Amino acid sequence: MLGVGAEELLFVLFLALLVLGPERLPKVARDVGRVVGDLRRTSDELREEFLNADKYLEAPAVAPAVTGESAAPAGGTAGERAESTASEPAVETAFDREMREARERLRGT
């Protein structure tokens, strides 16, 4: 545990008891536990996001509804069809823009 032995841990707990007092120590310990739990959950979510980021790059784009002239061309490769549908989103978020730029950089190299 980061090189902290039982004696050092007891000394830190004793010092915290002296500084904070018996009334505030349980509340502070509870708050610290909540913060550590939130940080752990956030870390796990970010790790999963980074591990699954390549799946978002490889995922096929959803085809728009077929209505007359707005339909995607039937010919061409899947990449060309994905480009034609990906260039027509109603609202492009910052994440979508960054993903599109990353895809373009990957294709360019």
C-alpha atoms as a PDB file:
ATOM      1  CA  MET A   1       0.000   0.000   0.000  1.00  0.00           C
ATOM      2  CA  LEU A   2       2.445   2.634  -1.262  1.00  0.00           C
ATOM      3  CA  GLY A   3       5.074   1.600   1.268  1.00  0.00           C
ATOM      4  CA  VAL A   4       2.984   2.657   4.272  1.00  0.00           C
ATOM      5  CA  GLY A   5       3.107   0.111   7.069  1.00  0.00           C
ATOM      6  CA  ALA A   6       0.608  -0.473   9.852  1.00  0.00           C
ATOM      7  CA  GLU A   7       2.551   1.684  12.311  1.00  0.00           C
ATOM      8  CA  GLU A   8       2.623   4.681   9.954  1.00  0.00           C
ATOM      9  CA  LEU A   9      -1.059   4.279   9.164  1.00  0.00           C
ATOM     10  CA  LEU A  10      -1.988   4.205  12.868  1.00  0.00           C
ATOM     11  CA  PHE A  11       0.145   7.299  13.466  1.00  0.00           C
ATOM     12  CA  VAL A  12      -1.643   9.192  10.645  1.00  0.00           C
ATOM     13  CA  LEU A  13      -5.054   8.131  11.975  1.00  0.00           C
ATOM     14  CA  PHE A  14      -4.093   9.197  15.508  1.00  0.00           C
ATOM     15  CA  LEU A  15      -2.838  12.536  14.210  1.00  0.00           C
ATOM     16  CA  ALA A  16      -6.091  13.032  12.243  1.00  0.00           C
ATOM     17  CA  LEU A  17      -8.096  12.264  15.383  1.00  0.00           C
ATOM     18  CA  LEU A  18      -6.138  14.894  17.312  1.00  0.00           C
ATOM     19  CA  VAL A  19      -6.460  17.540  14.585  1.00  0.00           C
ATOM     20  CA  LEU A  20     -10.091  16.972  13.571  1.00  0.00           C
ATOM     21  CA  GLY A  21     -11.543  15.684  16.812  1.00  0.00           C
ATOM     22  CA  PRO A  22     -13.937  12.796  17.349  1.00  0.00           C
ATOM     23  CA  GLU A  23     -16.965  14.766  16.075  1.00  0.00           C
ATOM     24  CA  ARG A  24     -15.647  15.673  12.634  1.00  0.00           C
ATOM     25  CA  LEU A  25     -13.430  12.659  11.872  1.00  0.00           C
ATOM     26  CA  PRO A  26     -16.281  10.302  10.798  1.00  0.00           C
ATOM     27  CA  LYS A  27     -17.775  12.971   8.507  1.00  0.00           C
ATOM     28  CA  VAL A  28     -14.399  13.708   6.909  1.00  0.00           C
ATOM     29  CA  ALA A  29     -13.678   9.984   6.475  1.00  0.00           C
ATOM     30  CA  ARG A  30     -17.104   9.511   4.814  1.00  0.00           C
ATOM     31  CA  ASP A  31     -16.492  12.451   2.465  1.00  0.00           C
ATOM     32  CA  VAL A  32     -13.020  11.160   1.566  1.00  0.00           C
ATOM     33  CA  GLY A  33     -14.511   7.720   0.868  1.00  0.00           C
ATOM     34  CA  ARG A  34     -17.113   9.238  -1.458  1.00  0.00           C
ATOM     35  CA  VAL A  35     -14.482  11.225  -3.344  1.00  0.00           C
ATOM     36  CA  VAL A  36     -12.264   8.160  -3.748  1.00  0.00           C
ATOM     37  CA  GLY A  37     -15.257   6.128  -4.982  1.00  0.00           C
ATOM     38  CA  ASP A  38     -16.215   8.829  -7.485  1.00  0.00           C
ATOM     39  CA  LEU A  39     -12.634   9.055  -8.737  1.00  0.00           C
ATOM     40  CA  ARG A  40     -12.469   5.283  -9.127  1.00  0.00           C
ATOM     41  CA  ARG A  41     -15.752   5.193 -11.094  1.00  0.00           C
ATOM     42  CA  THR A  42     -14.601   8.072 -13.304  1.00  0.00           C
ATOM     43  CA  SER A  43     -11.274   6.348 -13.894  1.00  0.00           C
ATOM     44  CA  ASP A  44     -13.039   3.110 -14.856  1.00  0.00           C
ATOM     45  CA  GLU A  45     -15.366   4.969 -17.244  1.00  0.00           C
ATOM     46  CA  LEU A  46     -12.449   6.767 -18.908  1.00  0.00           C
ATOM     47  CA  ARG A  47     -10.492   3.524 -19.218  1.00  0.00           C
ATOM     48  CA  GLU A  48     -13.470   1.828 -20.881  1.00  0.00           C
ATOM     49  CA  GLU A  49     -13.940   4.832 -23.177  1.00  0.00           C
ATOM     50  CA  PHE A  50     -10.314   4.690 -24.334  1.00  0.00           C
ATOM     51  CA  LEU A  51     -10.401   0.929 -24.764  1.00  0.00           C
ATOM     52  CA  ASN A  52     -13.572   1.129 -26.864  1.00  0.00           C
ATOM     53  CA  ALA A  53     -12.575   4.208 -28.887  1.00  0.00           C
ATOM     54  CA  ASP A  54     -11.349   2.136 -31.821  1.00  0.00           C
ATOM     55  CA  LYS A  55     -14.749   0.444 -32.031  1.00  0.00           C
ATOM     56  CA  TYR A  56     -16.363   3.845 -32.625  1.00  0.00           C
ATOM     57  CA  LEU A  57     -13.953   4.542 -35.487  1.00  0.00           C
ATOM     58  CA  GLU A  58     -14.711   1.214 -37.149  1.00  0.00           C
ATOM     59  CA  ALA A  59     -18.492   1.297 -36.555  1.00  0.00           C
ATOM     60  CA  PRO A  60     -20.493   1.736 -39.781  1.00  0.00           C
ATOM     61  CA  ALA A  61     -22.449   4.948 -40.132  1.00  0.00           C
ATOM     62  CA  VAL A  62     -26.217   4.719 -39.845  1.00  0.00           C
ATOM     63  CA  ALA A  63     -27.868   5.219 -43.222  1.00  0.00           C
ATOM     64  CA  PRO A  64     -30.386   8.086 -43.452  1.00  0.00           C
ATOM     65  CA  ALA A  65     -33.989   7.442 -44.337  1.00  0.00           C
ATOM     66  CA  VAL A  66     -34.380   6.827 -48.070  1.00  0.00           C
ATOM     67  CA  THR A  67     -36.433   9.640 -49.568  1.00  0.00           C
ATOM     68  CA  GLY A  68     -36.054  10.371 -53.261  1.00  0.00           C
ATOM     69  CA  GLU A  69     -32.915  12.367 -54.054  1.00  0.00           C
ATOM     70  CA  SER A  70     -31.451  12.322 -50.536  1.00  0.00           C
ATOM     71  CA  ALA A  71     -30.695   8.591 -50.743  1.00  0.00           C
ATOM     72  CA  ALA A  72     -27.056   7.527 -50.648  1.00  0.00           C
ATOM     73  CA  PRO A  73     -25.661   6.166 -53.915  1.00  0.00           C
ATOM     74  CA  ALA A  74     -26.025   2.415 -54.263  1.00  0.00           C
ATOM     75  CA  GLY A  75     -22.578   1.944 -55.823  1.00  0.00           C
ATOM     76  CA  GLY A  76     -19.173   2.488 -54.313  1.00  0.00           C
ATOM     77  CA  THR A  77     -17.391   1.022 -51.353  1.00  0.00           C
ATOM     78  CA  ALA A  78     -18.732   0.939 -47.824  1.00  0.00           C
ATOM     79  CA  GLY A  79     -16.310   3.720 -46.916  1.00  0.00           C
ATOM     80  CA  GLU A  80     -17.686   5.976 -49.645  1.00  0.00           C
ATOM     81  CA  ARG A  81     -21.253   5.305 -48.499  1.00  0.00           C
ATOM     82  CA  ALA A  82     -20.217   6.013 -44.896  1.00  0.00           C
ATOM     83  CA  GLU A  83     -18.606   9.285 -45.972  1.00  0.00           C
ATOM     84  CA  SER A  84     -21.729  10.390 -47.797  1.00  0.00           C
ATOM     85  CA  THR A  85     -23.953   9.654 -44.795  1.00  0.00           C
ATOM     86  CA  ALA A  86     -21.470  10.982 -42.251  1.00  0.00           C
ATOM     87  CA  SER A  87     -21.266  14.329 -44.016  1.00  0.00           C
ATOM     88  CA  GLU A  88     -25.001  14.930 -43.572  1.00  0.00           C
ATOM     89  CA  PRO A  89     -25.582  14.953 -39.778  1.00  0.00           C
ATOM     90  CA  ALA A  90     -28.160  17.433 -38.560  1.00  0.00           C
ATOM     91  CA  VAL A  91     -25.886  18.693 -35.777  1.00  0.00           C
ATOM     92  CA  GLU A  92     -22.206  17.854 -35.512  1.00  0.00           C
ATOM     93  CA  THR A  93     -20.995  17.804 -31.922  1.00  0.00           C
ATOM     94  CA  ALA A  94     -17.413  18.505 -30.948  1.00  0.00           C
ATOM     95  CA  PHE A  95     -16.881  14.774 -30.360  1.00  0.00           C
ATOM     96  CA  ASP A  96     -18.248  13.946 -33.820  1.00  0.00           C
ATOM     97  CA  ARG A  97     -15.969  16.543 -35.408  1.00  0.00           C
ATOM     98  CA  GLU A  98     -12.910  15.194 -33.589  1.00  0.00           C
ATOM     99  CA  MET A  99     -13.773  11.642 -34.619  1.00  0.00           C
ATOM    100  CA  ARG A 100     -14.214  12.708 -38.251  1.00  0.00           C
ATOM    101  CA  GLU A 101     -10.874  14.545 -38.212  1.00  0.00           C
ATOM    102  CA  ALA A 102      -9.157  11.517 -36.638  1.00  0.00           C
ATOM    103  CA  ARG A 103     -10.608   9.267 -39.355  1.00  0.00           C
ATOM    104  CA  GLU A 104      -9.352  11.655 -42.043  1.00  0.00           C
ATOM    105  CA  ARG A 105      -5.870  11.714 -40.479  1.00  0.00           C
ATOM    106  CA  LEU A 106      -5.805   7.923 -40.367  1.00  0.00           C
ATOM    107  CA  ARG A 107      -6.798   7.676 -44.018  1.00  0.00           C
ATOM    108  CA  GLY A 108      -4.183  10.249 -45.009  1.00  0.00           C
ATOM    109  CA  THR A 109      -1.265   8.257 -43.604  1.00  0.00           C
END
